Protein backbone atom coordinates (compact mmCIF):
# COMPACT_ATOMS: atom_id res chain seq x y z
CA UNK A 1 0.00 0.00 0.00
CA UNK A 2 2.85 2.39 0.78
CA UNK A 3 4.38 1.75 -2.63
CA UNK A 4 1.10 2.48 -4.38
CA UNK A 5 0.52 5.70 -2.40
CA UNK A 6 4.10 6.79 -3.05
CA UNK A 7 3.66 6.36 -6.79
CA UNK A 8 0.31 8.16 -6.70
CA UNK A 9 1.96 11.03 -4.82
CA UNK A 10 4.72 11.34 -7.42
CA UNK A 11 2.19 11.37 -10.25
CA UNK A 12 0.06 13.96 -8.42
CA UNK A 13 3.07 16.21 -7.82
CA UNK A 14 3.98 16.08 -11.51
CA UNK A 15 0.39 16.88 -12.45
CA UNK A 16 0.36 19.79 -10.00
CA UNK A 17 3.42 21.27 -11.70
CA UNK A 18 2.06 20.65 -15.19
CA UNK A 19 -1.43 22.04 -14.52
CA UNK A 20 -0.53 24.71 -11.97
CA UNK A 21 -2.32 27.44 -13.91
CA UNK A 22 -5.63 25.54 -13.88
CA UNK A 23 -5.11 24.62 -10.23
CA UNK A 24 -4.35 28.24 -9.31
CA UNK A 25 -7.50 29.46 -11.02
CA UNK A 26 -9.50 26.82 -9.18
CA UNK A 27 -8.01 27.73 -5.77
CA UNK A 28 -7.88 31.49 -6.20
CA UNK A 29 -5.31 33.85 -4.76
CA UNK A 30 -5.32 34.32 -1.02
CA UNK A 31 -3.68 37.23 0.74
CA UNK A 32 -1.41 34.87 2.68
CA UNK A 33 -0.11 33.42 -0.59
CA UNK A 34 1.47 36.74 -1.53
CA UNK A 35 3.98 36.30 1.29
CA UNK A 36 5.13 33.01 -0.26
CA UNK A 37 5.47 34.39 -3.79
CA UNK A 38 1.94 34.08 -5.12
CA UNK A 39 -0.48 31.31 -5.82
CA UNK A 40 1.70 29.66 -8.47
CA UNK A 41 4.67 29.47 -6.12
CA UNK A 42 2.49 27.97 -3.35
CA UNK A 43 1.39 25.23 -5.75
CA UNK A 44 5.00 24.52 -6.74
CA UNK A 45 6.05 24.37 -3.08
CA UNK A 46 3.19 21.97 -2.31
CA UNK A 47 4.14 19.79 -5.29
CA UNK A 48 7.81 19.63 -4.25
CA UNK A 49 6.82 18.74 -0.68
CA UNK A 50 4.46 16.03 -1.97
CA UNK A 51 7.21 14.67 -4.23
CA UNK A 52 9.76 14.39 -1.41
CA UNK A 53 7.16 12.93 0.93
CA UNK A 54 6.31 10.28 -1.67
CA UNK A 55 9.96 9.42 -2.30
CA UNK A 56 10.47 9.06 1.45
CA UNK A 57 7.45 6.76 1.67
CA UNK A 58 8.77 4.62 -1.19
CA UNK A 59 12.26 4.27 0.26
CA UNK A 60 11.12 3.67 3.84
CA UNK A 61 12.77 6.80 5.23
CA UNK A 62 9.56 8.48 6.29
CA UNK A 63 10.51 8.28 9.99
CA UNK A 64 13.76 10.13 9.25
CA UNK A 65 11.89 12.67 7.11
CA UNK A 66 9.39 13.41 9.89
CA UNK A 67 11.87 13.32 12.80
CA UNK A 68 11.89 17.14 13.26
CA UNK A 69 8.10 17.07 13.61
CA UNK A 70 8.39 14.46 16.36
CA UNK A 71 10.89 16.66 18.18
CA UNK A 72 8.37 19.53 18.22
CA UNK A 73 5.36 17.54 19.39
CA UNK A 74 5.08 16.66 23.07
CA UNK A 75 5.29 13.02 24.04
CA UNK A 76 2.90 11.28 26.38
CA UNK A 77 4.31 10.93 29.88
CA UNK A 78 4.46 7.47 31.38
CA UNK A 79 2.20 7.03 34.39
CA UNK A 80 4.43 5.86 37.24
CA UNK A 81 1.85 6.15 39.99
CA UNK A 82 0.73 3.01 41.75
CA UNK A 83 -2.92 4.00 42.19
CA UNK A 84 -4.97 0.87 41.86
CA UNK A 85 -8.42 2.44 41.99
C-alpha atoms as a PDB file:
ATOM      1  CA  UNK A   1       0.000   0.000   0.000  1.00  0.00           C
ATOM      2  CA  UNK A   2       2.852   2.386   0.783  1.00  0.00           C
ATOM      3  CA  UNK A   3       4.376   1.746  -2.632  1.00  0.00           C
ATOM      4  CA  UNK A   4       1.104   2.481  -4.377  1.00  0.00           C
ATOM      5  CA  UNK A   5       0.519   5.699  -2.404  1.00  0.00           C
ATOM      6  CA  UNK A   6       4.099   6.786  -3.046  1.00  0.00           C
ATOM      7  CA  UNK A   7       3.660   6.359  -6.786  1.00  0.00           C
ATOM      8  CA  UNK A   8       0.315   8.162  -6.699  1.00  0.00           C
ATOM      9  CA  UNK A   9       1.963  11.030  -4.818  1.00  0.00           C
ATOM     10  CA  UNK A  10       4.720  11.337  -7.419  1.00  0.00           C
ATOM     11  CA  UNK A  11       2.194  11.374 -10.251  1.00  0.00           C
ATOM     12  CA  UNK A  12       0.065  13.963  -8.422  1.00  0.00           C
ATOM     13  CA  UNK A  13       3.065  16.214  -7.817  1.00  0.00           C
ATOM     14  CA  UNK A  14       3.984  16.084 -11.507  1.00  0.00           C
ATOM     15  CA  UNK A  15       0.393  16.882 -12.452  1.00  0.00           C
ATOM     16  CA  UNK A  16       0.363  19.789  -9.998  1.00  0.00           C
ATOM     17  CA  UNK A  17       3.422  21.268 -11.696  1.00  0.00           C
ATOM     18  CA  UNK A  18       2.059  20.653 -15.188  1.00  0.00           C
ATOM     19  CA  UNK A  19      -1.429  22.037 -14.517  1.00  0.00           C
ATOM     20  CA  UNK A  20      -0.531  24.709 -11.966  1.00  0.00           C
ATOM     21  CA  UNK A  21      -2.325  27.440 -13.906  1.00  0.00           C
ATOM     22  CA  UNK A  22      -5.626  25.544 -13.875  1.00  0.00           C
ATOM     23  CA  UNK A  23      -5.112  24.620 -10.231  1.00  0.00           C
ATOM     24  CA  UNK A  24      -4.346  28.236  -9.313  1.00  0.00           C
ATOM     25  CA  UNK A  25      -7.501  29.460 -11.015  1.00  0.00           C
ATOM     26  CA  UNK A  26      -9.496  26.816  -9.185  1.00  0.00           C
ATOM     27  CA  UNK A  27      -8.007  27.727  -5.772  1.00  0.00           C
ATOM     28  CA  UNK A  28      -7.879  31.492  -6.198  1.00  0.00           C
ATOM     29  CA  UNK A  29      -5.309  33.848  -4.762  1.00  0.00           C
ATOM     30  CA  UNK A  30      -5.319  34.320  -1.022  1.00  0.00           C
ATOM     31  CA  UNK A  31      -3.678  37.226   0.738  1.00  0.00           C
ATOM     32  CA  UNK A  32      -1.408  34.871   2.677  1.00  0.00           C
ATOM     33  CA  UNK A  33      -0.109  33.421  -0.588  1.00  0.00           C
ATOM     34  CA  UNK A  34       1.470  36.742  -1.533  1.00  0.00           C
ATOM     35  CA  UNK A  35       3.976  36.299   1.292  1.00  0.00           C
ATOM     36  CA  UNK A  36       5.126  33.014  -0.258  1.00  0.00           C
ATOM     37  CA  UNK A  37       5.472  34.387  -3.790  1.00  0.00           C
ATOM     38  CA  UNK A  38       1.943  34.079  -5.125  1.00  0.00           C
ATOM     39  CA  UNK A  39      -0.480  31.307  -5.816  1.00  0.00           C
ATOM     40  CA  UNK A  40       1.697  29.663  -8.469  1.00  0.00           C
ATOM     41  CA  UNK A  41       4.665  29.472  -6.120  1.00  0.00           C
ATOM     42  CA  UNK A  42       2.487  27.971  -3.352  1.00  0.00           C
ATOM     43  CA  UNK A  43       1.386  25.227  -5.754  1.00  0.00           C
ATOM     44  CA  UNK A  44       5.003  24.518  -6.745  1.00  0.00           C
ATOM     45  CA  UNK A  45       6.055  24.367  -3.081  1.00  0.00           C
ATOM     46  CA  UNK A  46       3.187  21.968  -2.312  1.00  0.00           C
ATOM     47  CA  UNK A  47       4.142  19.794  -5.293  1.00  0.00           C
ATOM     48  CA  UNK A  48       7.805  19.631  -4.246  1.00  0.00           C
ATOM     49  CA  UNK A  49       6.824  18.740  -0.681  1.00  0.00           C
ATOM     50  CA  UNK A  50       4.460  16.029  -1.969  1.00  0.00           C
ATOM     51  CA  UNK A  51       7.207  14.665  -4.233  1.00  0.00           C
ATOM     52  CA  UNK A  52       9.763  14.392  -1.408  1.00  0.00           C
ATOM     53  CA  UNK A  53       7.156  12.932   0.934  1.00  0.00           C
ATOM     54  CA  UNK A  54       6.312  10.276  -1.675  1.00  0.00           C
ATOM     55  CA  UNK A  55       9.963   9.420  -2.295  1.00  0.00           C
ATOM     56  CA  UNK A  56      10.467   9.056   1.454  1.00  0.00           C
ATOM     57  CA  UNK A  57       7.447   6.756   1.668  1.00  0.00           C
ATOM     58  CA  UNK A  58       8.769   4.625  -1.189  1.00  0.00           C
ATOM     59  CA  UNK A  59      12.261   4.271   0.259  1.00  0.00           C
ATOM     60  CA  UNK A  60      11.123   3.668   3.841  1.00  0.00           C
ATOM     61  CA  UNK A  61      12.770   6.800   5.226  1.00  0.00           C
ATOM     62  CA  UNK A  62       9.557   8.477   6.290  1.00  0.00           C
ATOM     63  CA  UNK A  63      10.506   8.283   9.986  1.00  0.00           C
ATOM     64  CA  UNK A  64      13.762  10.126   9.246  1.00  0.00           C
ATOM     65  CA  UNK A  65      11.890  12.673   7.110  1.00  0.00           C
ATOM     66  CA  UNK A  66       9.387  13.405   9.892  1.00  0.00           C
ATOM     67  CA  UNK A  67      11.870  13.325  12.802  1.00  0.00           C
ATOM     68  CA  UNK A  68      11.887  17.141  13.256  1.00  0.00           C
ATOM     69  CA  UNK A  69       8.101  17.069  13.607  1.00  0.00           C
ATOM     70  CA  UNK A  70       8.390  14.455  16.356  1.00  0.00           C
ATOM     71  CA  UNK A  71      10.889  16.659  18.182  1.00  0.00           C
ATOM     72  CA  UNK A  72       8.369  19.526  18.224  1.00  0.00           C
ATOM     73  CA  UNK A  73       5.363  17.539  19.393  1.00  0.00           C
ATOM     74  CA  UNK A  74       5.084  16.660  23.073  1.00  0.00           C
ATOM     75  CA  UNK A  75       5.291  13.024  24.045  1.00  0.00           C
ATOM     76  CA  UNK A  76       2.903  11.277  26.377  1.00  0.00           C
ATOM     77  CA  UNK A  77       4.311  10.930  29.877  1.00  0.00           C
ATOM     78  CA  UNK A  78       4.464   7.468  31.385  1.00  0.00           C
ATOM     79  CA  UNK A  79       2.201   7.030  34.392  1.00  0.00           C
ATOM     80  CA  UNK A  80       4.431   5.855  37.244  1.00  0.00           C
ATOM     81  CA  UNK A  81       1.852   6.150  39.988  1.00  0.00           C
ATOM     82  CA  UNK A  82       0.725   3.008  41.753  1.00  0.00           C
ATOM     83  CA  UNK A  83      -2.915   4.004  42.192  1.00  0.00           C
ATOM     84  CA  UNK A  84      -4.966   0.867  41.863  1.00  0.00           C
ATOM     85  CA  UNK A  85      -8.422   2.435  41.988  1.00  0.00           C
END
